[in-house]
Amino acid sequence: MGFASASALTAALVPILINVLASVPDLNAPGIAMLLAFTISFGFILPVSAPQNMVCLGTETFTTRQFTMVGLWLTVAGYALLLLFAFTWWPLLGLI
């Protein structure tokens, strides 16, 4: 979540994590990789996490502390929803 670009983070880490997950027996590697891909898009906490965050901060309508506090709540809510869907809805769809 501290990378300056979600694309760079995806290109650097997802192939490595897919290989590691594939080596674990009795684990749905594509399903876990999907969770990781969704998690990478959570660039809500730091203004440097995504270019659009810097544009919002550049308007000077709020402080970095306010941005971080709202980002923490959004990240917690996003993770909670991600886990809820991963354990309930996605198995019904055959994704995990």
Protein backbone atom coordinates (compact mmCIF):
# COMPACT_ATOMS: atom_id res chain seq x y z
CA MET A 1 0.00 0.00 0.00
CA GLY A 2 3.01 2.28 0.15
CA PHE A 3 3.99 1.93 -3.51
CA ALA A 4 3.62 5.00 -5.70
CA SER A 5 1.87 2.96 -8.38
CA ALA A 6 -0.53 0.05 -8.16
CA SER A 7 0.63 -1.04 -11.63
CA ALA A 8 4.24 -1.26 -10.46
CA LEU A 9 3.21 -3.17 -7.35
CA THR A 10 1.14 -5.59 -9.42
CA ALA A 11 3.93 -6.16 -11.93
CA ALA A 12 6.49 -6.71 -9.17
CA LEU A 13 4.66 -8.85 -6.65
CA VAL A 14 1.74 -10.75 -8.19
CA PRO A 15 3.84 -13.11 -10.37
CA ILE A 16 6.02 -13.96 -7.37
CA LEU A 17 3.01 -14.54 -5.12
CA ILE A 18 1.27 -16.71 -7.73
CA ASN A 19 4.35 -18.98 -7.91
CA VAL A 20 4.53 -19.19 -4.13
CA LEU A 21 0.79 -19.96 -3.88
CA ALA A 22 1.01 -22.60 -6.61
CA SER A 23 3.62 -24.48 -4.59
CA VAL A 24 1.29 -24.84 -1.57
CA PRO A 25 -0.74 -28.06 -1.78
CA ASP A 26 -4.54 -27.98 -1.39
CA LEU A 27 -4.77 -24.23 -1.93
CA ASN A 28 -6.82 -22.45 -4.57
CA ALA A 29 -4.03 -20.29 -6.00
CA PRO A 30 -6.22 -18.39 -8.52
CA GLY A 31 -8.70 -17.46 -5.80
CA ILE A 32 -6.03 -16.20 -3.42
CA ALA A 33 -4.34 -14.34 -6.29
CA MET A 34 -7.67 -12.63 -6.99
CA LEU A 35 -7.83 -11.49 -3.35
CA LEU A 36 -4.30 -10.12 -3.66
CA ALA A 37 -5.18 -8.27 -6.85
CA PHE A 38 -8.14 -6.58 -5.15
CA THR A 39 -6.00 -5.73 -2.13
CA ILE A 40 -3.38 -4.03 -4.30
CA SER A 41 -5.98 -1.53 -5.47
CA PHE A 42 -6.47 -0.24 -1.89
CA GLY A 43 -4.44 2.96 -2.18
CA PHE A 44 -6.52 4.98 0.24
CA ILE A 45 -4.18 5.73 3.13
CA LEU A 46 -1.22 7.67 1.75
CA PRO A 47 -1.44 10.55 -0.74
CA VAL A 48 1.52 9.04 -2.63
CA SER A 49 -0.25 5.70 -3.14
CA ALA A 50 -1.89 6.80 -6.38
CA PRO A 51 -1.66 9.80 -8.71
CA GLN A 52 -5.32 10.70 -8.17
CA ASN A 53 -4.63 10.97 -4.44
CA MET A 54 -2.00 13.62 -5.13
CA VAL A 55 -4.47 15.56 -7.29
CA CYS A 56 -7.01 15.53 -4.45
CA LEU A 57 -4.41 16.62 -1.93
CA GLY A 58 -3.21 19.36 -4.27
CA THR A 59 -6.55 21.18 -3.93
CA GLU A 60 -5.57 21.99 -0.32
CA THR A 61 -9.14 21.51 0.89
CA PHE A 62 -7.99 19.01 3.52
CA THR A 63 -4.79 18.06 5.32
CA THR A 64 -2.64 14.96 4.99
CA ARG A 65 -3.83 13.85 8.44
CA GLN A 66 -7.49 14.06 7.36
CA PHE A 67 -6.65 12.14 4.18
CA THR A 68 -4.94 9.42 6.21
CA MET A 69 -7.76 9.09 8.76
CA VAL A 70 -10.42 8.70 6.07
CA GLY A 71 -8.11 6.33 4.17
CA LEU A 72 -7.67 4.11 7.22
CA TRP A 73 -11.44 3.74 7.63
CA LEU A 74 -11.90 3.05 3.90
CA THR A 75 -9.15 0.42 3.99
CA VAL A 76 -10.65 -1.35 7.01
CA ALA A 77 -14.10 -1.30 5.41
CA GLY A 78 -12.67 -2.56 2.12
CA TYR A 79 -10.82 -5.43 3.77
CA ALA A 80 -13.90 -6.40 5.76
CA LEU A 81 -16.03 -6.48 2.61
CA LEU A 82 -13.32 -8.37 0.74
CA LEU A 83 -13.19 -11.05 3.43
CA LEU A 84 -16.98 -11.20 3.66
CA PHE A 85 -17.28 -11.78 -0.08
CA ALA A 86 -14.34 -14.22 -0.12
CA PHE A 87 -15.97 -16.44 2.51
CA THR A 88 -19.59 -16.18 1.38
CA TRP A 89 -20.39 -14.99 -2.12
CA TRP A 90 -17.30 -15.99 -4.15
CA PRO A 91 -17.48 -19.71 -3.24
CA LEU A 92 -21.07 -19.75 -4.49
CA LEU A 93 -19.84 -18.31 -7.79
CA GLY A 94 -17.01 -20.84 -7.97
CA LEU A 95 -14.30 -18.18 -7.76
CA ILE A 96 -12.67 -19.54 -4.60
